[in-house]
Amino acid sequence: MSRVDEIKAEIERLPNEEITELFRWLSEKDWEHWDQQIEADAQAGRLDFLIREARDEKAKGKLRDL
């Protein structure tokens, strides 16, 4: 049995309140990872195309206020 399978089996034995707590913790970890990835992508210039697209759309008059 893999370590992940063991963890899954342990989770199955948790009470619902603890599963909810674990889910929240995992969600926060996932968002932290996502934030770090976006930051790294931005610093590396991999998101620059979004700025260019927005500027192009603005120049064409296709943007509208939110």
C-alpha atoms as a PDB file:
ATOM      1  CA  MET A   1       0.000   0.000   0.000  1.00  0.00           C
ATOM      2  CA  SER A   2       1.366   3.412  -0.960  1.00  0.00           C
ATOM      3  CA  ARG A   3       1.690   6.248   1.509  1.00  0.00           C
ATOM      4  CA  VAL A   4      -1.117   8.116  -0.241  1.00  0.00           C
ATOM      5  CA  ASP A   5      -3.367   5.054   0.046  1.00  0.00           C
ATOM      6  CA  GLU A   6      -2.572   4.888   3.767  1.00  0.00           C
ATOM      7  CA  ILE A   7      -3.446   8.581   4.180  1.00  0.00           C
ATOM      8  CA  LYS A   8      -6.680   8.106   2.273  1.00  0.00           C
ATOM      9  CA  ALA A   9      -7.613   5.189   4.516  1.00  0.00           C
ATOM     10  CA  GLU A  10      -6.902   7.310   7.601  1.00  0.00           C
ATOM     11  CA  ILE A  11      -9.034  10.138   6.230  1.00  0.00           C
ATOM     12  CA  GLU A  12     -11.911   7.716   5.709  1.00  0.00           C
ATOM     13  CA  ARG A  13     -11.827   7.026   9.450  1.00  0.00           C
ATOM     14  CA  LEU A  14     -11.963  10.693  10.481  1.00  0.00           C
ATOM     15  CA  PRO A  15     -15.119  12.261  11.887  1.00  0.00           C
ATOM     16  CA  ASN A  16     -16.857  14.711   9.572  1.00  0.00           C
ATOM     17  CA  GLU A  17     -15.675  17.751  11.542  1.00  0.00           C
ATOM     18  CA  GLU A  18     -12.043  16.716  11.120  1.00  0.00           C
ATOM     19  CA  ILE A  19     -12.540  16.020   7.416  1.00  0.00           C
ATOM     20  CA  THR A  20     -13.922  19.548   7.079  1.00  0.00           C
ATOM     21  CA  GLU A  21     -10.906  20.950   8.934  1.00  0.00           C
ATOM     22  CA  LEU A  22      -8.545  18.931   6.738  1.00  0.00           C
ATOM     23  CA  PHE A  23     -10.333  20.094   3.592  1.00  0.00           C
ATOM     24  CA  ARG A  24      -9.972  23.731   4.639  1.00  0.00           C
ATOM     25  CA  TRP A  25      -6.271  23.228   5.359  1.00  0.00           C
ATOM     26  CA  LEU A  26      -5.695  21.512   2.005  1.00  0.00           C
ATOM     27  CA  SER A  27      -7.612  24.263   0.210  1.00  0.00           C
ATOM     28  CA  GLU A  28      -5.464  26.930   1.840  1.00  0.00           C
ATOM     29  CA  LYS A  29      -2.317  25.019   0.836  1.00  0.00           C
ATOM     30  CA  ASP A  30      -3.602  24.737  -2.722  1.00  0.00           C
ATOM     31  CA  TRP A  31      -4.312  28.489  -2.896  1.00  0.00           C
ATOM     32  CA  GLU A  32      -0.847  29.238  -1.473  1.00  0.00           C
ATOM     33  CA  HIS A  33       0.708  27.058  -4.181  1.00  0.00           C
ATOM     34  CA  TRP A  34      -1.431  28.753  -6.845  1.00  0.00           C
ATOM     35  CA  ASP A  35      -0.411  32.220  -5.595  1.00  0.00           C
ATOM     36  CA  GLN A  36       3.271  31.238  -5.671  1.00  0.00           C
ATOM     37  CA  GLN A  37       2.937  29.890  -9.208  1.00  0.00           C
ATOM     38  CA  ILE A  38       1.211  33.046 -10.450  1.00  0.00           C
ATOM     39  CA  GLU A  39       3.898  35.187  -8.812  1.00  0.00           C
ATOM     40  CA  ALA A  40       6.666  33.107 -10.401  1.00  0.00           C
ATOM     41  CA  ASP A  41       4.961  33.248 -13.805  1.00  0.00           C
ATOM     42  CA  ALA A  42       4.521  37.013 -13.536  1.00  0.00           C
ATOM     43  CA  GLN A  43       8.144  37.568 -12.558  1.00  0.00           C
ATOM     44  CA  ALA A  44       9.298  35.358 -15.430  1.00  0.00           C
ATOM     45  CA  GLY A  45       7.201  37.351 -17.915  1.00  0.00           C
ATOM     46  CA  ARG A  46       4.920  34.442 -18.778  1.00  0.00           C
ATOM     47  CA  LEU A  47       1.836  36.592 -18.143  1.00  0.00           C
ATOM     48  CA  ASP A  48       2.954  39.605 -20.161  1.00  0.00           C
ATOM     49  CA  PHE A  49       0.724  38.498 -23.018  1.00  0.00           C
ATOM     50  CA  LEU A  50      -2.292  39.339 -20.841  1.00  0.00           C
ATOM     51  CA  ILE A  51      -1.123  42.939 -20.521  1.00  0.00           C
ATOM     52  CA  ARG A  52      -0.574  43.140 -24.281  1.00  0.00           C
ATOM     53  CA  GLU A  53      -4.034  41.706 -24.968  1.00  0.00           C
ATOM     54  CA  ALA A  54      -5.671  44.168 -22.577  1.00  0.00           C
ATOM     55  CA  ARG A  55      -3.839  47.103 -24.155  1.00  0.00           C
ATOM     56  CA  ASP A  56      -4.833  45.943 -27.636  1.00  0.00           C
ATOM     57  CA  GLU A  57      -8.471  45.619 -26.610  1.00  0.00           C
ATOM     58  CA  LYS A  58      -8.360  49.062 -24.979  1.00  0.00           C
ATOM     59  CA  ALA A  59      -6.871  50.568 -28.131  1.00  0.00           C
ATOM     60  CA  LYS A  60      -9.713  48.997 -30.148  1.00  0.00           C
ATOM     61  CA  GLY A  61     -12.269  50.439 -27.716  1.00  0.00           C
ATOM     62  CA  LYS A  62     -13.515  46.992 -26.756  1.00  0.00           C
ATOM     63  CA  LEU A  63     -13.089  47.309 -23.001  1.00  0.00           C
ATOM     64  CA  ARG A  64     -15.961  48.360 -20.786  1.00  0.00           C
ATOM     65  CA  ASP A  65     -16.133  49.484 -17.180  1.00  0.00           C
ATOM     66  CA  LEU A  66     -17.008  46.911 -14.578  1.00  0.00           C
END
